Amino acid sequence: MPNLASWSRGRHAAGVLSVEEQIELEIRARGELERLREEATSEEVDPQAVAVDVAIGRLSRLDSMQMEEVRKDAVRRRNQRIHELQETLRKMDEGNYGICEGCGGWIDYARLEQCPEAALCGDCAR
């Protein structure tokens, strides 16, 4: 009969997450989601940033427009990450978290620890 240590090694070799690991990853995902939501609500937008009727030089206007595009891209990336974290928490609730959407294998804990919303294992992500 295998002992607990050999069972634990076999479980990690297969990639299955322990209850403690799942809890830690859920705490990380919820914390990151809360941080991103707070960042989104606290962000102020300057409606005059690229208004056409604002009397500034042509280069200043182009610079302002470019900065506005950079800001919009950052907002899009943040919103995408919020969506991914919400999807991650849904998977956790359903009990199918940590399974690669590409090959159906387990995603390594180290990968999930770095990026809780990872949907692909390291091999499929390459």
Protein backbone atom coordinates (compact mmCIF):
# COMPACT_ATOMS: atom_id res chain seq x y z
CA MET A 1 0.00 0.00 0.00
CA PRO A 2 1.52 3.38 -1.01
CA ASN A 3 2.22 5.87 1.74
CA LEU A 4 1.04 9.50 1.77
CA ALA A 5 4.40 10.88 0.56
CA SER A 6 4.47 8.66 -2.53
CA TRP A 7 0.80 9.43 -3.25
CA SER A 8 1.55 13.17 -2.99
CA ARG A 9 4.51 12.87 -5.37
CA GLY A 10 2.38 10.90 -7.82
CA ARG A 11 -0.40 13.45 -7.58
CA HIS A 12 2.00 16.30 -8.35
CA ALA A 13 3.56 14.30 -11.17
CA ALA A 14 0.06 14.01 -12.65
CA GLY A 15 -0.45 17.75 -12.08
CA VAL A 16 -3.51 17.58 -9.84
CA LEU A 17 -3.76 20.57 -7.50
CA SER A 18 -4.02 20.01 -3.76
CA VAL A 19 -6.80 21.68 -1.79
CA GLU A 20 -4.26 24.07 -0.26
CA GLU A 21 -2.94 25.03 -3.69
CA GLN A 22 -6.47 25.58 -4.98
CA ILE A 23 -7.27 27.83 -2.02
CA GLU A 24 -4.06 29.82 -2.49
CA LEU A 25 -4.77 30.29 -6.19
CA GLU A 26 -8.35 31.37 -5.52
CA ILE A 27 -7.15 33.93 -2.97
CA ARG A 28 -4.63 35.27 -5.52
CA ALA A 29 -7.23 35.44 -8.30
CA ARG A 30 -9.82 37.18 -6.11
CA GLY A 31 -7.22 39.65 -4.81
CA GLU A 32 -6.03 40.51 -8.31
CA LEU A 33 -9.61 40.86 -9.55
CA GLU A 34 -10.44 43.23 -6.69
CA ARG A 35 -7.31 45.29 -7.35
CA LEU A 36 -8.14 45.62 -11.04
CA ARG A 37 -11.74 46.58 -10.30
CA GLU A 38 -10.62 49.24 -7.83
CA GLU A 39 -8.14 50.56 -10.39
CA ALA A 40 -10.89 50.75 -13.01
CA THR A 41 -13.28 52.67 -10.75
CA SER A 42 -10.66 55.10 -9.49
CA GLU A 43 -9.35 56.01 -12.94
CA GLU A 44 -10.32 59.49 -14.04
CA VAL A 45 -10.67 60.39 -17.69
CA ASP A 46 -9.89 63.92 -18.86
CA PRO A 47 -12.58 64.72 -21.46
CA GLN A 48 -10.51 67.68 -22.68
CA ALA A 49 -7.47 65.51 -23.39
CA VAL A 50 -7.98 65.39 -27.16
CA ALA A 51 -10.89 67.75 -27.73
CA VAL A 52 -10.63 69.38 -31.15
CA ASP A 53 -11.56 72.85 -29.90
CA VAL A 54 -8.77 73.01 -27.29
CA ALA A 55 -6.21 75.57 -28.43
CA ILE A 56 -2.92 73.66 -28.40
CA GLY A 57 -0.24 73.21 -31.01
CA ARG A 58 -0.47 70.49 -33.65
CA LEU A 59 2.34 68.39 -32.09
CA SER A 60 0.84 68.73 -28.63
CA ARG A 61 -2.51 67.55 -30.00
CA LEU A 62 -0.88 64.54 -31.68
CA ASP A 63 0.96 63.72 -28.48
CA SER A 64 -2.29 64.03 -26.53
CA MET A 65 -4.10 61.77 -29.00
CA GLN A 66 -1.31 59.20 -28.80
CA MET A 67 -1.43 59.23 -25.00
CA GLU A 68 -5.20 58.75 -25.15
CA GLU A 69 -4.74 55.68 -27.39
CA VAL A 70 -2.17 54.27 -24.96
CA ARG A 71 -4.64 54.82 -22.11
CA LYS A 72 -7.47 53.14 -24.06
CA ASP A 73 -5.23 50.14 -24.80
CA ALA A 74 -4.37 49.81 -21.12
CA VAL A 75 -8.08 49.91 -20.26
CA ARG A 76 -8.81 47.20 -22.87
CA ARG A 77 -6.03 44.98 -21.47
CA ARG A 78 -7.27 45.51 -17.90
CA ASN A 79 -10.86 44.69 -18.90
CA GLN A 80 -9.67 41.54 -20.70
CA ARG A 81 -7.76 40.44 -17.60
CA ILE A 82 -10.84 41.12 -15.41
CA HIS A 83 -12.86 38.90 -17.75
CA GLU A 84 -10.21 36.16 -17.63
CA LEU A 85 -10.09 36.25 -13.82
CA GLN A 86 -13.89 36.06 -13.62
CA GLU A 87 -13.78 33.04 -15.94
CA THR A 88 -11.06 31.53 -13.73
CA LEU A 89 -13.22 31.89 -10.62
CA ARG A 90 -16.16 30.31 -12.49
CA LYS A 91 -13.96 27.33 -13.39
CA MET A 92 -12.87 27.05 -9.76
CA ASP A 93 -16.50 26.99 -8.64
CA GLU A 94 -17.35 24.33 -11.23
CA GLY A 95 -14.35 22.19 -10.26
CA ASN A 96 -12.58 22.18 -13.63
CA TYR A 97 -9.86 24.72 -12.86
CA GLY A 98 -6.29 23.90 -13.87
CA ILE A 99 -7.21 21.84 -16.93
CA CYS A 100 -5.57 22.94 -20.18
CA GLU A 101 -8.06 24.07 -22.82
CA GLY A 102 -5.66 22.91 -25.52
CA CYS A 103 -4.75 19.34 -24.63
CA GLY A 104 -6.93 18.55 -21.61
CA GLY A 105 -3.91 17.89 -19.38
CA TRP A 106 -3.14 19.59 -16.09
CA ILE A 107 -1.54 23.03 -15.95
CA ASP A 108 1.50 23.12 -13.65
CA TYR A 109 0.99 24.81 -10.28
CA ALA A 110 4.04 27.04 -10.87
CA ARG A 111 2.40 28.38 -14.05
CA LEU A 112 -0.92 28.98 -12.28
CA GLU A 113 0.89 30.61 -9.38
CA GLN A 114 2.40 33.17 -11.77
CA CYS A 115 -0.78 33.61 -13.83
CA PRO A 116 -3.91 32.23 -12.11
CA GLU A 117 -5.98 32.87 -15.24
CA ALA A 118 -3.76 30.69 -17.47
CA ALA A 119 -6.01 28.54 -19.66
CA LEU A 120 -3.22 26.63 -21.41
CA CYS A 121 -0.39 24.46 -20.14
CA GLY A 122 3.16 25.54 -20.93
CA ASP A 123 3.42 23.24 -23.96
CA CYS A 124 0.16 24.43 -25.54
CA ALA A 125 0.98 28.08 -24.83
CA ARG A 126 4.18 27.83 -26.89
